[in-house]
Amino acid sequence: MAKKPKTVAGGEYFLYDVIYEDGAQTSNRRVPAADVSPFDQDGSIRAILEAQDRKVAEMSGRSRGRIKQINRSA
């Protein structure tokens, strides 16, 4: 039986496009809605994405550049 997909809008995750200082871009990065602070949304979203980048860099051995811009995915 197929798994039910996670809801995106108004559900469990928000999707963001991330642009790095070196010009690289990643799309549809998932951020758990429950982890986003209502008082500092930009800061908490950036912190979550940076933590995800650190985890990937730790596993792959290749680090990402610094985040330049974060946009909500359409």
N, C-alpha and C. Protein backbone atom coordinates (compact mmCIF):
# COMPACT_ATOMS: atom_id res chain seq x y z
N MET A 1 0.84 -1.18 0.00
CA MET A 1 0.00 0.00 0.00
C MET A 1 0.89 1.24 0.00
N ALA A 2 0.52 2.24 -0.77
CA ALA A 2 1.31 3.46 -0.91
C ALA A 2 1.23 4.31 0.36
N LYS A 3 2.34 4.99 0.64
CA LYS A 3 2.37 5.90 1.78
C LYS A 3 1.66 7.19 1.44
N LYS A 4 1.01 7.76 2.42
CA LYS A 4 0.34 9.05 2.24
C LYS A 4 1.39 10.15 2.31
N PRO A 5 1.46 11.05 1.31
CA PRO A 5 2.46 12.11 1.34
C PRO A 5 2.17 13.12 2.45
N LYS A 6 3.24 13.75 2.91
CA LYS A 6 3.10 14.80 3.93
C LYS A 6 2.44 16.02 3.30
N THR A 7 1.58 16.67 4.04
CA THR A 7 0.98 17.90 3.53
C THR A 7 2.00 19.01 3.62
N VAL A 8 1.95 19.94 2.67
CA VAL A 8 2.95 21.00 2.63
C VAL A 8 2.36 22.30 3.13
N ALA A 9 1.38 22.85 2.45
CA ALA A 9 0.82 24.15 2.82
C ALA A 9 -0.07 23.99 4.05
N GLY A 10 0.26 24.69 5.12
CA GLY A 10 -0.55 24.67 6.32
C GLY A 10 -0.47 23.34 7.05
N GLY A 11 0.50 22.52 6.70
CA GLY A 11 0.61 21.20 7.30
C GLY A 11 1.87 21.03 8.09
N GLU A 12 2.57 19.98 7.83
CA GLU A 12 3.71 19.61 8.64
C GLU A 12 5.03 20.26 8.19
N TYR A 13 5.15 20.63 6.91
CA TYR A 13 6.39 21.18 6.38
C TYR A 13 6.15 22.43 5.55
N PHE A 14 7.17 23.29 5.55
CA PHE A 14 7.23 24.41 4.62
C PHE A 14 8.39 24.14 3.68
N LEU A 15 8.28 24.57 2.43
CA LEU A 15 9.33 24.36 1.45
C LEU A 15 10.02 25.69 1.13
N TYR A 16 11.35 25.66 1.05
CA TYR A 16 12.12 26.86 0.78
C TYR A 16 13.17 26.59 -0.30
N ASP A 17 13.46 27.62 -1.09
CA ASP A 17 14.57 27.60 -2.04
C ASP A 17 15.71 28.37 -1.40
N VAL A 18 16.91 27.80 -1.46
CA VAL A 18 18.06 28.40 -0.81
C VAL A 18 19.11 28.76 -1.86
N ILE A 19 19.61 29.99 -1.79
CA ILE A 19 20.69 30.43 -2.66
C ILE A 19 21.91 30.67 -1.77
N TYR A 20 23.04 30.11 -2.19
CA TYR A 20 24.28 30.22 -1.42
C TYR A 20 25.15 31.34 -1.99
N GLU A 21 26.12 31.79 -1.22
CA GLU A 21 26.99 32.89 -1.64
C GLU A 21 27.80 32.56 -2.88
N ASP A 22 28.08 31.28 -3.12
CA ASP A 22 28.84 30.89 -4.30
C ASP A 22 27.97 30.75 -5.55
N GLY A 23 26.67 31.06 -5.43
CA GLY A 23 25.75 31.01 -6.56
C GLY A 23 24.99 29.70 -6.69
N ALA A 24 25.34 28.69 -5.90
CA ALA A 24 24.62 27.42 -5.94
C ALA A 24 23.22 27.61 -5.38
N GLN A 25 22.30 26.77 -5.84
CA GLN A 25 20.91 26.87 -5.39
C GLN A 25 20.37 25.49 -5.11
N THR A 26 19.59 25.35 -4.04
CA THR A 26 18.84 24.13 -3.77
C THR A 26 17.38 24.51 -3.67
N SER A 27 16.52 23.63 -4.14
CA SER A 27 15.09 23.92 -4.18
C SER A 27 14.32 22.95 -3.30
N ASN A 28 13.17 23.41 -2.86
CA ASN A 28 12.23 22.60 -2.09
C ASN A 28 12.85 21.97 -0.85
N ARG A 29 13.60 22.77 -0.11
CA ARG A 29 14.16 22.30 1.16
C ARG A 29 13.04 22.27 2.19
N ARG A 30 12.88 21.15 2.87
CA ARG A 30 11.79 20.97 3.83
C ARG A 30 12.19 21.47 5.21
N VAL A 31 11.31 22.29 5.80
CA VAL A 31 11.50 22.79 7.15
C VAL A 31 10.25 22.43 7.95
N PRO A 32 10.39 21.67 9.03
CA PRO A 32 9.22 21.30 9.84
C PRO A 32 8.52 22.54 10.38
N ALA A 33 7.22 22.61 10.17
CA ALA A 33 6.45 23.78 10.61
C ALA A 33 6.50 23.94 12.12
N ALA A 34 6.56 22.84 12.85
CA ALA A 34 6.56 22.90 14.32
C ALA A 34 7.86 23.51 14.86
N ASP A 35 8.94 23.48 14.08
CA ASP A 35 10.22 24.00 14.54
C ASP A 35 10.43 25.48 14.25
N VAL A 36 9.54 26.09 13.49
CA VAL A 36 9.68 27.50 13.13
C VAL A 36 9.12 28.37 14.25
N SER A 37 9.95 29.24 14.78
CA SER A 37 9.55 30.13 15.87
C SER A 37 8.63 31.23 15.33
N PRO A 38 7.49 31.45 15.97
CA PRO A 38 6.60 32.53 15.51
C PRO A 38 7.17 33.92 15.77
N PHE A 39 8.16 34.03 16.66
CA PHE A 39 8.74 35.33 17.02
C PHE A 39 9.92 35.71 16.13
N ASP A 40 10.64 34.72 15.63
CA ASP A 40 11.81 34.97 14.78
C ASP A 40 11.82 33.95 13.65
N GLN A 41 10.89 34.09 12.72
CA GLN A 41 10.75 33.11 11.65
C GLN A 41 11.99 33.02 10.79
N ASP A 42 12.51 34.16 10.34
CA ASP A 42 13.68 34.15 9.46
C ASP A 42 14.88 33.50 10.14
N GLY A 43 15.12 33.86 11.38
CA GLY A 43 16.25 33.32 12.12
C GLY A 43 16.13 31.83 12.37
N SER A 44 14.93 31.38 12.74
CA SER A 44 14.77 29.96 13.02
C SER A 44 14.82 29.12 11.74
N ILE A 45 14.29 29.64 10.64
CA ILE A 45 14.36 28.93 9.36
C ILE A 45 15.80 28.80 8.91
N ARG A 46 16.55 29.89 9.01
CA ARG A 46 17.97 29.88 8.63
C ARG A 46 18.74 28.88 9.50
N ALA A 47 18.47 28.87 10.80
CA ALA A 47 19.17 27.95 11.71
C ALA A 47 18.86 26.49 11.37
N ILE A 48 17.62 26.19 11.03
CA ILE A 48 17.23 24.82 10.67
C ILE A 48 17.93 24.40 9.38
N LEU A 49 17.93 25.28 8.38
CA LEU A 49 18.58 24.95 7.10
C LEU A 49 20.09 24.79 7.27
N GLU A 50 20.71 25.63 8.10
CA GLU A 50 22.15 25.51 8.35
C GLU A 50 22.47 24.21 9.07
N ALA A 51 21.60 23.80 10.00
CA ALA A 51 21.80 22.53 10.70
C ALA A 51 21.68 21.36 9.72
N GLN A 52 20.73 21.44 8.79
CA GLN A 52 20.60 20.40 7.77
C GLN A 52 21.86 20.35 6.91
N ASP A 53 22.39 21.52 6.53
CA ASP A 53 23.61 21.58 5.72
C ASP A 53 24.80 20.97 6.47
N ARG A 54 24.91 21.26 7.77
CA ARG A 54 26.00 20.69 8.56
C ARG A 54 25.91 19.17 8.62
N LYS A 55 24.70 18.66 8.77
CA LYS A 55 24.51 17.20 8.84
C LYS A 55 24.91 16.55 7.52
N VAL A 56 24.49 17.14 6.40
CA VAL A 56 24.84 16.60 5.09
C VAL A 56 26.35 16.68 4.87
N ALA A 57 26.96 17.78 5.28
CA ALA A 57 28.41 17.95 5.12
C ALA A 57 29.17 16.93 5.97
N GLU A 58 28.66 16.66 7.14
CA GLU A 58 29.28 15.68 8.02
C GLU A 58 29.25 14.28 7.40
N MET A 59 28.14 13.94 6.77
CA MET A 59 28.00 12.62 6.17
C MET A 59 28.76 12.50 4.85
N SER A 60 28.80 13.58 4.07
CA SER A 60 29.41 13.51 2.75
C SER A 60 30.88 13.94 2.74
N GLY A 61 31.28 14.72 3.72
CA GLY A 61 32.65 15.22 3.75
C GLY A 61 32.84 16.48 2.92
N ARG A 62 31.76 17.01 2.36
CA ARG A 62 31.83 18.25 1.56
C ARG A 62 30.93 19.29 2.20
N SER A 63 31.50 20.44 2.52
CA SER A 63 30.70 21.48 3.17
C SER A 63 30.05 22.39 2.14
N ARG A 64 28.95 22.98 2.54
CA ARG A 64 28.24 23.96 1.72
C ARG A 64 28.78 25.35 2.02
N GLY A 65 28.52 26.27 1.12
CA GLY A 65 28.86 27.66 1.37
C GLY A 65 27.87 28.28 2.33
N ARG A 66 28.06 29.55 2.61
CA ARG A 66 27.13 30.27 3.48
C ARG A 66 25.85 30.60 2.73
N ILE A 67 24.75 30.61 3.44
CA ILE A 67 23.45 30.93 2.84
C ILE A 67 23.38 32.43 2.59
N LYS A 68 23.02 32.78 1.36
CA LYS A 68 22.88 34.18 0.97
C LYS A 68 21.43 34.62 1.05
N GLN A 69 20.51 33.77 0.57
CA GLN A 69 19.10 34.16 0.45
C GLN A 69 18.22 32.94 0.62
N ILE A 70 17.07 33.13 1.29
CA ILE A 70 16.08 32.07 1.47
C ILE A 70 14.74 32.60 0.97
N ASN A 71 14.11 31.84 0.07
CA ASN A 71 12.80 32.21 -0.48
C ASN A 71 11.84 31.07 -0.30
N ARG A 72 10.59 31.38 -0.02
CA ARG A 72 9.56 30.35 0.08
C ARG A 72 9.29 29.78 -1.31
N SER A 73 9.25 28.46 -1.43
CA SER A 73 8.98 27.81 -2.71
C SER A 73 7.54 28.05 -3.14
N ALA A 74 7.35 28.16 -4.44
CA ALA A 74 6.00 28.40 -4.96
C ALA A 74 5.15 27.16 -4.94
